[in-house]
Amino acid sequence: AINKSNSGHPGAPMGQAPIGYVLFAEEMNFNPADPQWLNRDRFVLSSGHGCMLQYSLLHLTGYDSVAMDDIKQFRQWGSKTPGHPENFETAGIEVTTGPLGMGISNAV
């Protein structure tokens, strides 16, 4: 998806994949059928430019908000998978992050 868009940062999603797997598969509590579940754990991606990791994890864990077709439209105008995560655009994204460090200040 990153290569197809001819834009983006492949290093962050690939480098962060192991920790993403551990968090989503073994540690976090969430419900893809109810993304607004009050008792869910929140995943805040401080490095918003690496959001393909978050989109992939949402897709693989069953969120309807990120289908394979959405991933194929990564960073395209009007897509549900913009180049930085937008909480008003994609269910499962907890906070909009862009500039480095913005996510950690939101997570506190």
N, C-alpha and C. Protein backbone atom coordinates (compact mmCIF):
# COMPACT_ATOMS: atom_id res chain seq x y z
N ALA A 1 0.83 -1.20 0.00
CA ALA A 1 0.00 0.00 0.00
C ALA A 1 0.86 1.25 0.00
N ILE A 2 1.95 1.24 0.77
CA ILE A 2 2.82 2.41 0.82
C ILE A 2 3.49 2.61 -0.54
N ASN A 3 3.97 1.54 -1.13
CA ASN A 3 4.61 1.66 -2.44
C ASN A 3 3.61 2.08 -3.51
N LYS A 4 2.40 1.53 -3.45
CA LYS A 4 1.37 1.89 -4.44
C LYS A 4 1.02 3.37 -4.37
N SER A 5 0.97 3.91 -3.16
CA SER A 5 0.61 5.32 -3.00
C SER A 5 1.74 6.24 -3.44
N ASN A 6 2.94 5.66 -3.59
CA ASN A 6 4.11 6.43 -3.98
C ASN A 6 4.39 7.54 -2.96
N SER A 7 4.02 7.25 -1.72
CA SER A 7 4.16 8.22 -0.66
C SER A 7 4.03 7.49 0.67
N GLY A 8 4.73 7.96 1.66
CA GLY A 8 4.60 7.34 2.97
C GLY A 8 5.94 6.87 3.51
N HIS A 9 5.89 6.25 4.66
CA HIS A 9 7.08 5.82 5.38
C HIS A 9 6.98 4.33 5.67
N PRO A 10 7.65 3.48 4.90
CA PRO A 10 7.56 2.04 5.15
C PRO A 10 8.35 1.57 6.37
N GLY A 11 9.38 2.30 6.76
CA GLY A 11 10.24 1.84 7.86
C GLY A 11 9.54 1.75 9.19
N ALA A 12 8.76 2.75 9.53
CA ALA A 12 8.07 2.75 10.83
C ALA A 12 7.10 1.59 10.96
N PRO A 13 6.20 1.37 10.00
CA PRO A 13 5.27 0.25 10.15
C PRO A 13 5.98 -1.11 10.23
N MET A 14 7.01 -1.29 9.44
CA MET A 14 7.71 -2.58 9.48
C MET A 14 8.50 -2.74 10.78
N GLY A 15 9.15 -1.67 11.22
CA GLY A 15 9.93 -1.74 12.46
C GLY A 15 9.08 -1.87 13.70
N GLN A 16 7.87 -1.30 13.67
CA GLN A 16 7.00 -1.33 14.84
C GLN A 16 6.04 -2.53 14.83
N ALA A 17 6.07 -3.33 13.79
CA ALA A 17 5.14 -4.46 13.67
C ALA A 17 5.22 -5.44 14.83
N PRO A 18 6.42 -5.82 15.31
CA PRO A 18 6.45 -6.78 16.43
C PRO A 18 5.76 -6.27 17.69
N ILE A 19 5.98 -5.01 18.05
CA ILE A 19 5.32 -4.49 19.25
C ILE A 19 3.83 -4.30 19.00
N GLY A 20 3.47 -3.93 17.78
CA GLY A 20 2.05 -3.83 17.44
C GLY A 20 1.35 -5.16 17.59
N TYR A 21 2.00 -6.22 17.13
CA TYR A 21 1.42 -7.56 17.27
C TYR A 21 1.21 -7.91 18.73
N VAL A 22 2.23 -7.72 19.54
CA VAL A 22 2.13 -8.07 20.97
C VAL A 22 1.00 -7.28 21.63
N LEU A 23 0.93 -5.99 21.35
CA LEU A 23 -0.12 -5.16 21.98
C LEU A 23 -1.51 -5.61 21.56
N PHE A 24 -1.75 -5.74 20.26
CA PHE A 24 -3.09 -6.06 19.78
C PHE A 24 -3.47 -7.52 19.99
N ALA A 25 -2.52 -8.44 19.92
CA ALA A 25 -2.84 -9.87 20.04
C ALA A 25 -2.81 -10.37 21.47
N GLU A 26 -2.01 -9.74 22.33
CA GLU A 26 -1.81 -10.31 23.66
C GLU A 26 -2.11 -9.40 24.84
N GLU A 27 -2.11 -8.10 24.63
CA GLU A 27 -2.21 -7.20 25.78
C GLU A 27 -3.47 -6.34 25.82
N MET A 28 -3.85 -5.77 24.71
CA MET A 28 -4.92 -4.77 24.72
C MET A 28 -6.32 -5.38 24.77
N ASN A 29 -7.22 -4.67 25.42
CA ASN A 29 -8.64 -5.03 25.44
C ASN A 29 -9.37 -4.07 24.51
N PHE A 30 -10.06 -4.62 23.52
CA PHE A 30 -10.82 -3.80 22.58
C PHE A 30 -11.89 -4.68 21.95
N ASN A 31 -12.84 -4.05 21.29
CA ASN A 31 -13.92 -4.78 20.66
C ASN A 31 -14.18 -4.17 19.28
N PRO A 32 -13.72 -4.84 18.21
CA PRO A 32 -13.93 -4.29 16.87
C PRO A 32 -15.40 -4.05 16.52
N ALA A 33 -16.30 -4.81 17.13
CA ALA A 33 -17.73 -4.61 16.86
C ALA A 33 -18.27 -3.37 17.57
N ASP A 34 -17.55 -2.87 18.56
CA ASP A 34 -17.95 -1.68 19.30
C ASP A 34 -16.72 -0.80 19.55
N PRO A 35 -16.27 -0.06 18.53
CA PRO A 35 -15.04 0.73 18.67
C PRO A 35 -15.10 1.79 19.77
N GLN A 36 -16.29 2.15 20.23
CA GLN A 36 -16.42 3.16 21.28
C GLN A 36 -16.64 2.54 22.67
N TRP A 37 -16.43 1.22 22.79
CA TRP A 37 -16.57 0.53 24.07
C TRP A 37 -15.81 1.30 25.13
N LEU A 38 -16.48 1.66 26.20
CA LEU A 38 -15.94 2.55 27.22
C LEU A 38 -14.69 1.98 27.91
N ASN A 39 -14.63 0.69 28.12
CA ASN A 39 -13.54 0.08 28.87
C ASN A 39 -12.37 -0.38 27.99
N ARG A 40 -12.34 0.07 26.74
CA ARG A 40 -11.28 -0.37 25.83
C ARG A 40 -9.94 0.26 26.20
N ASP A 41 -8.87 -0.41 25.81
CA ASP A 41 -7.54 0.19 25.87
C ASP A 41 -7.39 1.08 24.65
N ARG A 42 -6.64 2.15 24.80
CA ARG A 42 -6.43 3.08 23.69
C ARG A 42 -5.03 2.92 23.13
N PHE A 43 -4.93 2.83 21.82
CA PHE A 43 -3.65 2.78 21.12
C PHE A 43 -3.45 4.14 20.47
N VAL A 44 -2.43 4.85 20.91
CA VAL A 44 -2.12 6.17 20.37
C VAL A 44 -0.79 6.07 19.65
N LEU A 45 -0.81 6.31 18.36
CA LEU A 45 0.39 6.23 17.54
C LEU A 45 1.02 7.62 17.47
N SER A 46 2.09 7.82 18.23
CA SER A 46 2.73 9.13 18.25
C SER A 46 3.32 9.49 16.90
N SER A 47 3.90 8.53 16.23
CA SER A 47 4.49 8.79 14.91
C SER A 47 3.41 8.56 13.85
N GLY A 48 2.57 9.56 13.68
CA GLY A 48 1.43 9.43 12.77
C GLY A 48 1.79 9.05 11.36
N HIS A 49 3.02 9.39 10.93
CA HIS A 49 3.44 9.06 9.57
C HIS A 49 3.60 7.56 9.38
N GLY A 50 3.63 6.80 10.45
CA GLY A 50 3.73 5.33 10.37
C GLY A 50 2.38 4.66 10.52
N CYS A 51 1.31 5.36 10.16
CA CYS A 51 -0.05 4.90 10.43
C CYS A 51 -0.46 3.64 9.66
N MET A 52 0.29 3.24 8.65
CA MET A 52 -0.06 1.99 7.97
C MET A 52 -0.02 0.82 8.95
N LEU A 53 0.85 0.90 9.95
CA LEU A 53 0.86 -0.12 11.01
C LEU A 53 -0.50 -0.17 11.69
N GLN A 54 -1.02 0.97 12.07
CA GLN A 54 -2.30 1.03 12.78
C GLN A 54 -3.44 0.56 11.90
N TYR A 55 -3.46 1.00 10.65
CA TYR A 55 -4.50 0.55 9.72
C TYR A 55 -4.44 -0.97 9.53
N SER A 56 -3.25 -1.50 9.39
CA SER A 56 -3.09 -2.96 9.21
C SER A 56 -3.58 -3.71 10.43
N LEU A 57 -3.22 -3.23 11.60
CA LEU A 57 -3.65 -3.89 12.83
C LEU A 57 -5.17 -3.83 12.99
N LEU A 58 -5.75 -2.70 12.67
CA LEU A 58 -7.22 -2.60 12.76
C LEU A 58 -7.87 -3.58 11.78
N HIS A 59 -7.35 -3.66 10.58
CA HIS A 59 -7.88 -4.59 9.59
C HIS A 59 -7.75 -6.04 10.07
N LEU A 60 -6.57 -6.40 10.52
CA LEU A 60 -6.31 -7.79 10.92
C LEU A 60 -7.06 -8.21 12.17
N THR A 61 -7.44 -7.25 13.02
CA THR A 61 -8.16 -7.59 14.24
C THR A 61 -9.67 -7.48 14.08
N GLY A 62 -10.14 -7.18 12.87
CA GLY A 62 -11.56 -7.28 12.60
C GLY A 62 -12.35 -5.99 12.58
N TYR A 63 -11.71 -4.85 12.57
CA TYR A 63 -12.44 -3.59 12.49
C TYR A 63 -13.02 -3.43 11.08
N ASP A 64 -14.32 -3.20 10.99
CA ASP A 64 -14.97 -2.99 9.69
C ASP A 64 -14.53 -1.69 9.04
N SER A 65 -14.00 -0.78 9.83
CA SER A 65 -13.64 0.54 9.32
C SER A 65 -12.43 0.53 8.40
N VAL A 66 -11.66 -0.57 8.40
CA VAL A 66 -10.49 -0.66 7.54
C VAL A 66 -10.52 -1.99 6.79
N ALA A 67 -11.13 -1.95 5.61
CA ALA A 67 -11.17 -3.12 4.74
C ALA A 67 -9.92 -3.14 3.86
N MET A 68 -9.68 -4.25 3.18
CA MET A 68 -8.52 -4.33 2.30
C MET A 68 -8.57 -3.26 1.21
N ASP A 69 -9.77 -2.97 0.72
CA ASP A 69 -9.89 -1.91 -0.29
C ASP A 69 -9.48 -0.54 0.27
N ASP A 70 -9.74 -0.32 1.56
CA ASP A 70 -9.32 0.93 2.20
C ASP A 70 -7.80 1.00 2.28
N ILE A 71 -7.19 -0.12 2.61
CA ILE A 71 -5.73 -0.15 2.68
C ILE A 71 -5.13 0.11 1.30
N LYS A 72 -5.75 -0.41 0.27
CA LYS A 72 -5.26 -0.17 -1.09
C LYS A 72 -5.38 1.29 -1.50
N GLN A 73 -6.24 2.02 -0.81
CA GLN A 73 -6.42 3.45 -1.10
C GLN A 73 -5.64 4.34 -0.13
N PHE A 74 -4.64 3.78 0.52
CA PHE A 74 -3.82 4.51 1.49
C PHE A 74 -3.27 5.80 0.88
N ARG A 75 -3.45 6.88 1.62
CA ARG A 75 -2.95 8.22 1.26
C ARG A 75 -3.56 8.78 -0.02
N GLN A 76 -4.74 8.31 -0.39
CA GLN A 76 -5.42 8.86 -1.56
C GLN A 76 -6.50 9.82 -1.10
N TRP A 77 -6.77 10.82 -1.88
CA TRP A 77 -7.76 11.84 -1.53
C TRP A 77 -9.12 11.19 -1.25
N GLY A 78 -9.72 11.52 -0.12
CA GLY A 78 -11.03 11.00 0.24
C GLY A 78 -11.00 9.61 0.85
N SER A 79 -9.83 9.06 1.05
CA SER A 79 -9.68 7.70 1.59
C SER A 79 -9.97 7.66 3.09
N LYS A 80 -10.39 6.48 3.59
CA LYS A 80 -10.54 6.27 5.03
C LYS A 80 -9.20 5.95 5.68
N THR A 81 -8.13 5.92 4.88
CA THR A 81 -6.79 5.65 5.38
C THR A 81 -5.85 6.78 4.94
N PRO A 82 -6.03 7.97 5.51
CA PRO A 82 -5.16 9.09 5.14
C PRO A 82 -3.72 8.88 5.63
N GLY A 83 -2.83 9.75 5.21
CA GLY A 83 -1.41 9.62 5.53
C GLY A 83 -1.05 9.83 6.98
N HIS A 84 -1.92 10.43 7.74
CA HIS A 84 -1.80 10.51 9.19
C HIS A 84 -3.17 10.13 9.75
N PRO A 85 -3.20 9.36 10.84
CA PRO A 85 -4.49 8.88 11.34
C PRO A 85 -5.41 10.01 11.79
N GLU A 86 -6.66 9.89 11.42
CA GLU A 86 -7.67 10.90 11.75
C GLU A 86 -8.79 10.21 12.53
N ASN A 87 -9.01 10.63 13.78
CA ASN A 87 -10.01 9.96 14.61
C ASN A 87 -11.44 10.19 14.12
N PHE A 88 -11.67 11.23 13.35
CA PHE A 88 -13.02 11.48 12.84
C PHE A 88 -13.25 10.78 11.49
N GLU A 89 -12.21 10.16 10.95
CA GLU A 89 -12.30 9.54 9.63
C GLU A 89 -12.42 8.02 9.70
N THR A 90 -11.75 7.41 10.66
CA THR A 90 -11.64 5.95 10.70
C THR A 90 -11.92 5.44 12.11
N ALA A 91 -12.95 4.62 12.26
CA ALA A 91 -13.27 4.02 13.57
C ALA A 91 -12.11 3.15 14.02
N GLY A 92 -11.74 3.26 15.28
CA GLY A 92 -10.61 2.52 15.83
C GLY A 92 -9.39 3.41 16.01
N ILE A 93 -9.37 4.55 15.34
CA ILE A 93 -8.30 5.53 15.55
C ILE A 93 -8.73 6.39 16.73
N GLU A 94 -7.96 6.37 17.80
CA GLU A 94 -8.34 7.06 19.03
C GLU A 94 -8.08 8.56 18.99
N VAL A 95 -7.02 8.95 18.31
CA VAL A 95 -6.64 10.36 18.31
C VAL A 95 -5.94 10.69 17.00
N THR A 96 -6.18 11.88 16.50
CA THR A 96 -5.50 12.36 15.30
C THR A 96 -4.08 12.74 15.67
N THR A 97 -3.10 12.19 14.96
CA THR A 97 -1.71 12.55 15.20
C THR A 97 -1.05 12.92 13.88
N GLY A 98 -0.14 13.80 13.95
CA GLY A 98 0.57 14.25 12.76
C GLY A 98 2.02 14.52 13.10
N PRO A 99 2.32 15.71 13.63
CA PRO A 99 3.71 16.03 13.96
C PRO A 99 4.25 15.07 15.02
N LEU A 100 5.53 14.75 14.91
CA LEU A 100 6.15 13.86 15.90
C LEU A 100 5.97 14.42 17.30
N GLY A 101 5.65 13.56 18.22
CA GLY A 101 5.44 13.94 19.60
C GLY A 101 4.02 14.32 19.94
N MET A 102 3.20 14.55 18.94
CA MET A 102 1.83 14.96 19.18
C MET A 102 1.04 13.83 19.88
N GLY A 103 1.29 12.60 19.48
CA GLY A 103 0.57 11.48 20.07
C GLY A 103 0.85 11.28 21.53
N ILE A 104 2.10 11.42 21.94
CA ILE A 104 2.43 11.18 23.35
C ILE A 104 1.78 12.23 24.24
N SER A 105 1.69 13.47 23.76
CA SER A 105 1.04 14.49 24.57
C SER A 105 -0.46 14.23 24.68
N ASN A 106 -1.05 13.61 23.68
CA ASN A 106 -2.46 13.25 23.74
C ASN A 106 -2.69 12.03 24.63
N ALA A 107 -1.73 11.15 24.71
CA ALA A 107 -1.89 9.91 25.48
C ALA A 107 -1.82 10.14 26.97
N VAL A 108 -1.20 11.22 27.39
CA VAL A 108 -1.01 11.47 28.81
C VAL A 108 -2.28 11.82 29.51
